[in-house]
Amino acid sequence: MAQTVTVEIQGLRELDAKLKKMGERMARRSAGRATGKAAKVIKDAAKRQVIANPSVETGSLLGAIVSKKLPKRETPDTAAHIVTVRVRESKRATKRANRRKQKTAPYANIVEFGSVKMTAEPFLRPAFDSQGRAAQDVMVDTLRREVEEAAK
């Protein structure tokens, strides 16, 4: 069962107006960098959660935790990244013979949410809960820097 958490940062009207002055392409690029850095904070925290859990074998699960930029067609936002677990090999990856094999963890949902035979040992939700504010701060700082550089 997938859960989605959306974060909305309020009080940034001035920043939004400056982004619009930058032009759509530059604003999209800056927003993409900012959301990407914020997603990395959550991804790194999730990996630390997995490593800290002694009952979880970290090999495949650790390598399967990824952050991914959502295509423009999939989000109404200027830019959006998600932190997720790769559960199967992508069609694109299987078509490329010389591409290294990506780690997958088809059992990640059982680790996160548990099952009838196993108690939950969450790693994604605690990562967001503990680092959500830090991720927001990274995103805002990155956007401010990008706007300041573009204004020069």
C-alpha atoms as a PDB file:
ATOM      1  CA  MET A   1       0.000   0.000   0.000  1.00  0.00           C
ATOM      2  CA  ALA A   2       1.722   3.163  -1.177  1.00  0.00           C
ATOM      3  CA  GLN A   3       1.565   6.301   0.888  1.00  0.00           C
ATOM      4  CA  THR A   4       2.242   9.765  -0.417  1.00  0.00           C
ATOM      5  CA  VAL A   5       3.370  12.721   1.630  1.00  0.00           C
ATOM      6  CA  THR A   6       3.141  16.172   0.111  1.00  0.00           C
ATOM      7  CA  VAL A   7       4.980  19.100   1.624  1.00  0.00           C
ATOM      8  CA  GLU A   8       3.786  22.629   1.047  1.00  0.00           C
ATOM      9  CA  ILE A   9       5.970  25.543   2.077  1.00  0.00           C
ATOM     10  CA  GLN A  10       3.989  28.708   2.658  1.00  0.00           C
ATOM     11  CA  GLY A  11       5.181  32.286   2.879  1.00  0.00           C
ATOM     12  CA  LEU A  12       7.289  32.200  -0.251  1.00  0.00           C
ATOM     13  CA  ARG A  13       5.246  34.504  -2.489  1.00  0.00           C
ATOM     14  CA  GLU A  14       8.187  36.849  -2.956  1.00  0.00           C
ATOM     15  CA  LEU A  15      10.390  33.942  -3.991  1.00  0.00           C
ATOM     16  CA  ASP A  16       7.727  32.741  -6.406  1.00  0.00           C
ATOM     17  CA  ALA A  17       7.521  36.181  -8.013  1.00  0.00           C
ATOM     18  CA  LYS A  18      11.305  36.256  -8.450  1.00  0.00           C
ATOM     19  CA  LEU A  19      11.266  32.771  -9.984  1.00  0.00           C
ATOM     20  CA  LYS A  20       8.698  33.954 -12.520  1.00  0.00           C
ATOM     21  CA  LYS A  21      10.963  36.870 -13.442  1.00  0.00           C
ATOM     22  CA  MET A  22      13.758  34.367 -14.138  1.00  0.00           C
ATOM     23  CA  GLY A  23      11.810  32.814 -16.963  1.00  0.00           C
ATOM     24  CA  GLU A  24      10.131  29.421 -17.075  1.00  0.00           C
ATOM     25  CA  ARG A  25      13.153  27.417 -18.185  1.00  0.00           C
ATOM     26  CA  MET A  26      15.478  28.858 -15.560  1.00  0.00           C
ATOM     27  CA  ALA A  27      12.811  28.588 -12.835  1.00  0.00           C
ATOM     28  CA  ARG A  28      12.171  24.939 -13.716  1.00  0.00           C
ATOM     29  CA  ARG A  29      15.902  24.186 -13.613  1.00  0.00           C
ATOM     30  CA  SER A  30      16.344  25.951 -10.265  1.00  0.00           C
ATOM     31  CA  ALA A  31      13.283  24.286  -8.752  1.00  0.00           C
ATOM     32  CA  GLY A  32      14.536  20.923 -10.018  1.00  0.00           C
ATOM     33  CA  ARG A  33      17.882  21.416  -8.308  1.00  0.00           C
ATOM     34  CA  ALA A  34      16.168  22.465  -5.087  1.00  0.00           C
ATOM     35  CA  THR A  35      13.727  19.544  -4.962  1.00  0.00           C
ATOM     36  CA  GLY A  36      16.522  17.160  -5.932  1.00  0.00           C
ATOM     37  CA  LYS A  37      18.714  18.294  -3.044  1.00  0.00           C
ATOM     38  CA  ALA A  38      15.760  18.022  -0.649  1.00  0.00           C
ATOM     39  CA  ALA A  39      14.999  14.497  -1.877  1.00  0.00           C
ATOM     40  CA  LYS A  40      18.646  13.535  -1.328  1.00  0.00           C
ATOM     41  CA  VAL A  41      18.340  14.522   2.348  1.00  0.00           C
ATOM     42  CA  ILE A  42      15.379  12.136   2.760  1.00  0.00           C
ATOM     43  CA  LYS A  43      17.036   9.383   0.696  1.00  0.00           C
ATOM     44  CA  ASP A  44      20.212   9.531   2.770  1.00  0.00           C
ATOM     45  CA  ALA A  45      18.174   9.400   5.988  1.00  0.00           C
ATOM     46  CA  ALA A  46      16.263   6.346   4.698  1.00  0.00           C
ATOM     47  CA  LYS A  47      19.543   4.604   3.932  1.00  0.00           C
ATOM     48  CA  ARG A  48      20.797   5.382   7.435  1.00  0.00           C
ATOM     49  CA  GLN A  49      17.561   3.889   8.839  1.00  0.00           C
ATOM     50  CA  VAL A  50      18.167   0.656   6.916  1.00  0.00           C
ATOM     51  CA  ILE A  51      21.779   0.439   8.051  1.00  0.00           C
ATOM     52  CA  ALA A  52      20.773   1.059  11.688  1.00  0.00           C
ATOM     53  CA  ASN A  53      18.221  -1.774  11.633  1.00  0.00           C
ATOM     54  CA  PRO A  54      20.127  -4.962  12.520  1.00  0.00           C
ATOM     55  CA  SER A  55      17.391  -7.332  11.348  1.00  0.00           C
ATOM     56  CA  VAL A  56      17.326  -6.025   7.753  1.00  0.00           C
ATOM     57  CA  GLU A  57      19.897  -7.304   5.290  1.00  0.00           C
ATOM     58  CA  THR A  58      21.023  -4.077   3.685  1.00  0.00           C
ATOM     59  CA  GLY A  59      22.500  -5.223   0.354  1.00  0.00           C
ATOM     60  CA  SER A  60      19.701  -4.961  -2.165  1.00  0.00           C
ATOM     61  CA  LEU A  61      17.423  -2.715  -0.118  1.00  0.00           C
ATOM     62  CA  LEU A  62      20.118  -0.127   0.470  1.00  0.00           C
ATOM     63  CA  GLY A  63      20.998   0.041  -3.221  1.00  0.00           C
ATOM     64  CA  ALA A  64      17.354   0.167  -4.284  1.00  0.00           C
ATOM     65  CA  ILE A  65      16.476   3.361  -2.363  1.00  0.00           C
ATOM     66  CA  VAL A  66      16.465   6.108  -4.971  1.00  0.00           C
ATOM     67  CA  SER A  67      15.299   9.645  -5.567  1.00  0.00           C
ATOM     68  CA  LYS A  68      13.712  10.342  -8.898  1.00  0.00           C
ATOM     69  CA  LYS A  69      12.587  13.490 -10.676  1.00  0.00           C
ATOM     70  CA  LEU A  70       9.003  13.328 -11.835  1.00  0.00           C
ATOM     71  CA  PRO A  71       8.452  14.242 -15.487  1.00  0.00           C
ATOM     72  CA  LYS A  72       6.595  17.487 -16.112  1.00  0.00           C
ATOM     73  CA  ARG A  73       3.583  15.582 -17.428  1.00  0.00           C
ATOM     74  CA  GLU A  74       3.191  13.770 -14.090  1.00  0.00           C
ATOM     75  CA  THR A  75       3.051  16.791 -11.786  1.00  0.00           C
ATOM     76  CA  PRO A  76       1.378  20.204 -11.806  1.00  0.00           C
ATOM     77  CA  ASP A  77       4.318  21.602  -9.810  1.00  0.00           C
ATOM     78  CA  THR A  78       7.290  23.432 -11.277  1.00  0.00           C
ATOM     79  CA  ALA A  79       9.467  20.505 -10.207  1.00  0.00           C
ATOM     80  CA  ALA A  80       8.998  17.435  -8.034  1.00  0.00           C
ATOM     81  CA  HIS A  81      11.204  14.607  -6.833  1.00  0.00           C
ATOM     82  CA  ILE A  82      10.194  11.427  -5.036  1.00  0.00           C
ATOM     83  CA  VAL A  83      12.115   9.090  -2.773  1.00  0.00           C
ATOM     84  CA  THR A  84      11.156   5.502  -3.417  1.00  0.00           C
ATOM     85  CA  VAL A  85      12.459   1.965  -3.605  1.00  0.00           C
ATOM     86  CA  ARG A  86      13.148   0.360  -6.966  1.00  0.00           C
ATOM     87  CA  VAL A  87      11.175  -2.887  -6.825  1.00  0.00           C
ATOM     88  CA  ARG A  88      11.848  -4.184 -10.327  1.00  0.00           C
ATOM     89  CA  GLU A  89      14.214  -3.624 -13.216  1.00  0.00           C
ATOM     90  CA  SER A  90      12.955  -0.894 -15.530  1.00  0.00           C
ATOM     91  CA  LYS A  91      12.148  -1.689 -19.158  1.00  0.00           C
ATOM     92  CA  ARG A  92      14.675   0.914 -20.229  1.00  0.00           C
ATOM     93  CA  ALA A  93      17.436  -0.740 -18.195  1.00  0.00           C
ATOM     94  CA  THR A  94      16.725  -4.199 -19.591  1.00  0.00           C
ATOM     95  CA  LYS A  95      16.954  -2.877 -23.161  1.00  0.00           C
ATOM     96  CA  ARG A  96      20.487  -1.598 -22.607  1.00  0.00           C
ATOM     97  CA  ALA A  97      22.787  -4.593 -22.560  1.00  0.00           C
ATOM     98  CA  ASN A  98      25.868  -2.678 -21.400  1.00  0.00           C
ATOM     99  CA  ARG A  99      24.145  -0.914 -18.500  1.00  0.00           C
ATOM    100  CA  ARG A 100      25.077  -2.224 -15.087  1.00  0.00           C
ATOM    101  CA  LYS A 101      22.374  -4.095 -13.255  1.00  0.00           C
ATOM    102  CA  GLN A 102      20.439  -1.924 -10.844  1.00  0.00           C
ATOM    103  CA  LYS A 103      19.624  -3.229  -7.390  1.00  0.00           C
ATOM    104  CA  THR A 104      15.974  -3.964  -6.722  1.00  0.00           C
ATOM    105  CA  ALA A 105      14.081  -4.815  -3.546  1.00  0.00           C
ATOM    106  CA  PRO A 106      10.662  -6.285  -4.344  1.00  0.00           C
ATOM    107  CA  TYR A 107      10.160  -7.007  -0.641  1.00  0.00           C
ATOM    108  CA  ALA A 108      10.606  -3.356   0.481  1.00  0.00           C
ATOM    109  CA  ASN A 109       6.908  -2.830   1.144  1.00  0.00           C
ATOM    110  CA  ILE A 110       6.888  -5.797   3.537  1.00  0.00           C
ATOM    111  CA  VAL A 111       9.842  -4.336   5.441  1.00  0.00           C
ATOM    112  CA  GLU A 112       8.201  -0.891   5.575  1.00  0.00           C
ATOM    113  CA  PHE A 113       4.634  -1.944   6.420  1.00  0.00           C
ATOM    114  CA  GLY A 114       5.017  -5.485   7.778  1.00  0.00           C
ATOM    115  CA  SER A 115       2.898  -8.541   7.030  1.00  0.00           C
ATOM    116  CA  VAL A 116       0.957 -11.225   8.857  1.00  0.00           C
ATOM    117  CA  LYS A 117       4.220 -13.010   9.600  1.00  0.00           C
ATOM    118  CA  MET A 118       6.527 -10.016  10.098  1.00  0.00           C
ATOM    119  CA  THR A 119       6.264  -6.829  12.095  1.00  0.00           C
ATOM    120  CA  ALA A 120       6.874  -3.574  10.246  1.00  0.00           C
ATOM    121  CA  GLU A 121      10.406  -2.173  10.310  1.00  0.00           C
ATOM    122  CA  PRO A 122       9.830   1.166   8.574  1.00  0.00           C
ATOM    123  CA  PHE A 123      12.682   3.117   7.054  1.00  0.00           C
ATOM    124  CA  LEU A 124      11.070   5.612   4.639  1.00  0.00           C
ATOM    125  CA  ARG A 125       8.492   7.187   6.936  1.00  0.00           C
ATOM    126  CA  PRO A 126      10.911   7.666   9.856  1.00  0.00           C
ATOM    127  CA  ALA A 127      13.380   9.215   7.409  1.00  0.00           C
ATOM    128  CA  PHE A 128      10.784  11.748   6.315  1.00  0.00           C
ATOM    129  CA  ASP A 129       9.593  12.385   9.863  1.00  0.00           C
ATOM    130  CA  SER A 130      13.118  13.046  11.142  1.00  0.00           C
ATOM    131  CA  GLN A 131      14.497  14.963   8.145  1.00  0.00           C
ATOM    132  CA  GLY A 132      11.461  16.609   6.554  1.00  0.00           C
ATOM    133  CA  ARG A 133      12.225  20.012   8.036  1.00  0.00           C
ATOM    134  CA  ALA A 134      15.897  19.770   7.049  1.00  0.00           C
ATOM    135  CA  ALA A 135      14.844  18.881   3.501  1.00  0.00           C
ATOM    136  CA  GLN A 136      12.568  21.934   3.393  1.00  0.00           C
ATOM    137  CA  ASP A 137      15.405  24.147   4.613  1.00  0.00           C
ATOM    138  CA  VAL A 138      17.760  22.776   1.949  1.00  0.00           C
ATOM    139  CA  MET A 139      15.149  23.393  -0.729  1.00  0.00           C
ATOM    140  CA  VAL A 140      14.462  26.970   0.378  1.00  0.00           C
ATOM    141  CA  ASP A 141      18.179  27.790   0.710  1.00  0.00           C
ATOM    142  CA  THR A 142      18.891  26.388  -2.743  1.00  0.00           C
ATOM    143  CA  LEU A 143      16.059  28.382  -4.288  1.00  0.00           C
ATOM    144  CA  ARG A 144      17.199  31.585  -2.594  1.00  0.00           C
ATOM    145  CA  ARG A 145      20.750  31.094  -3.870  1.00  0.00           C
ATOM    146  CA  GLU A 146      19.515  30.335  -7.388  1.00  0.00           C
ATOM    147  CA  VAL A 147      17.320  33.458  -7.423  1.00  0.00           C
ATOM    148  CA  GLU A 148      20.154  35.647  -6.111  1.00  0.00           C
ATOM    149  CA  GLU A 149      22.556  34.339  -8.756  1.00  0.00           C
ATOM    150  CA  ALA A 150      20.018  34.871 -11.525  1.00  0.00           C
ATOM    151  CA  ALA A 151      19.367  38.441 -10.351  1.00  0.00           C
ATOM    152  CA  LYS A 152      23.056  39.393 -10.768  1.00  0.00           C
END
